[in-house]
């Protein structure tokens, strides 16, 4: 539903606080989020909402955002992928009426 997706998009800043530094051999080197439960839950909820939109609209931008969600997070590039995802979600929110038609 429209309000559910908008609510999830508004949580981006809160979810971003779950980034933490991961390192190898005691050396911190990568900002990571993929392994936190808060991010995992949020990601699945966003994915479910976007999948519903895609199933109805077959919109390429929604599809590309879903691909980023499914393939983008593995620790190595989480910060970059999160920023890309955030930008996509903000763009979707600005154009939300394109994806949800009036009743």
Protein backbone atom coordinates (compact mmCIF):
# COMPACT_ATOMS: atom_id res chain seq x y z
CA UNK A 1 0.00 0.00 0.00
CA UNK A 2 1.06 3.54 -0.72
CA UNK A 3 1.28 4.63 2.92
CA UNK A 4 3.30 1.52 3.85
CA UNK A 5 5.91 2.22 1.20
CA UNK A 6 6.11 5.90 2.17
CA UNK A 7 6.53 4.89 5.83
CA UNK A 8 9.43 2.57 4.91
CA UNK A 9 11.07 5.30 2.85
CA UNK A 10 10.81 7.70 5.80
CA UNK A 11 12.76 5.16 7.88
CA UNK A 12 15.89 5.45 5.69
CA UNK A 13 17.70 7.79 8.10
CA UNK A 14 16.92 5.51 11.05
CA UNK A 15 18.09 2.42 9.17
CA UNK A 16 21.30 4.20 8.16
CA UNK A 17 22.26 4.45 11.85
CA UNK A 18 22.77 0.66 11.83
CA UNK A 19 25.93 0.88 9.74
CA UNK A 20 28.98 -0.38 11.59
CA UNK A 21 32.63 -0.84 10.72
CA UNK A 22 33.81 -4.27 9.80
CA UNK A 23 37.46 -5.12 9.49
CA UNK A 24 39.88 -7.86 8.68
CA UNK A 25 42.83 -8.81 10.84
CA UNK A 26 41.86 -6.11 13.34
CA UNK A 27 41.91 -3.30 10.78
CA UNK A 28 38.57 -1.48 10.34
CA UNK A 29 37.94 -0.88 6.68
CA UNK A 30 34.34 -1.26 5.54
CA UNK A 31 31.06 0.34 6.63
CA UNK A 32 28.62 -2.57 6.70
CA UNK A 33 24.89 -2.95 7.25
CA UNK A 34 23.87 -6.18 5.51
CA UNK A 35 24.28 -8.29 8.64
CA UNK A 36 22.02 -6.30 10.98
CA UNK A 37 18.52 -7.51 11.78
CA UNK A 38 17.02 -4.01 11.53
CA UNK A 39 18.33 -3.59 7.99
CA UNK A 40 17.37 -7.10 6.97
CA UNK A 41 13.79 -6.66 8.17
CA UNK A 42 13.47 -3.22 6.57
CA UNK A 43 14.97 -4.47 3.32
CA UNK A 44 12.50 -7.36 3.11
CA UNK A 45 9.56 -5.05 3.81
CA UNK A 46 10.68 -2.60 1.11
CA UNK A 47 11.23 -5.47 -1.30
CA UNK A 48 7.73 -6.81 -0.67
CA UNK A 49 6.13 -3.40 -1.27
CA UNK A 50 8.14 -2.75 -4.43
CA UNK A 51 7.38 -6.23 -5.77
CA UNK A 52 3.67 -5.50 -5.41
CA UNK A 53 4.12 -2.23 -7.32
CA UNK A 54 6.16 -3.95 -10.01
CA UNK A 55 3.61 -6.76 -10.41
CA UNK A 56 0.94 -4.15 -11.14
CA UNK A 57 2.94 -1.68 -13.22
CA UNK A 58 5.90 -3.53 -14.78
CA UNK A 59 7.83 -0.28 -14.24
CA UNK A 60 11.53 -0.54 -15.15
CA UNK A 61 12.68 1.87 -12.42
CA UNK A 62 10.92 -0.23 -9.78
CA UNK A 63 12.50 -3.37 -11.29
CA UNK A 64 15.99 -1.81 -11.19
CA UNK A 65 15.44 -0.84 -7.55
CA UNK A 66 14.38 -4.40 -6.75
CA UNK A 67 17.53 -5.76 -8.40
CA UNK A 68 19.64 -3.38 -6.30
CA UNK A 69 17.84 -4.59 -3.17
CA UNK A 70 18.35 -8.26 -4.00
CA UNK A 71 21.93 -8.13 -5.18
CA UNK A 72 23.47 -5.03 -3.71
CA UNK A 73 24.43 -5.87 -0.14
CA UNK A 74 27.30 -8.13 0.86
CA UNK A 75 29.47 -5.99 3.14
CA UNK A 76 32.03 -4.79 0.62
CA UNK A 77 29.98 -2.04 -0.98
CA UNK A 78 27.07 -1.61 1.41
CA UNK A 79 27.48 2.14 1.85
CA UNK A 80 27.50 2.85 -1.89
CA UNK A 81 24.57 0.52 -2.54
CA UNK A 82 22.61 1.97 0.38
CA UNK A 83 23.10 5.48 -0.99
CA UNK A 84 21.94 4.33 -4.44
CA UNK A 85 18.93 2.58 -2.92
CA UNK A 86 18.06 5.63 -0.82
CA UNK A 87 18.19 7.84 -3.92
CA UNK A 88 15.91 5.46 -5.80
CA UNK A 89 13.44 5.28 -2.93
CA UNK A 90 13.37 9.07 -2.57
CA UNK A 91 12.70 9.36 -6.32
CA UNK A 92 9.88 6.84 -6.00
CA UNK A 93 8.38 8.80 -3.10
CA UNK A 94 8.47 12.04 -5.11
CA UNK A 95 6.59 10.28 -7.91
CA UNK A 96 4.43 8.05 -5.73
CA UNK A 97 1.20 8.87 -7.55
CA UNK A 98 2.66 7.32 -10.69
CA UNK A 99 2.65 3.97 -8.92
CA UNK A 100 -0.61 4.22 -6.97
CA UNK A 101 -3.69 5.26 -8.85
CA UNK A 102 -6.64 6.96 -7.16
CA UNK A 103 -9.39 4.58 -6.08
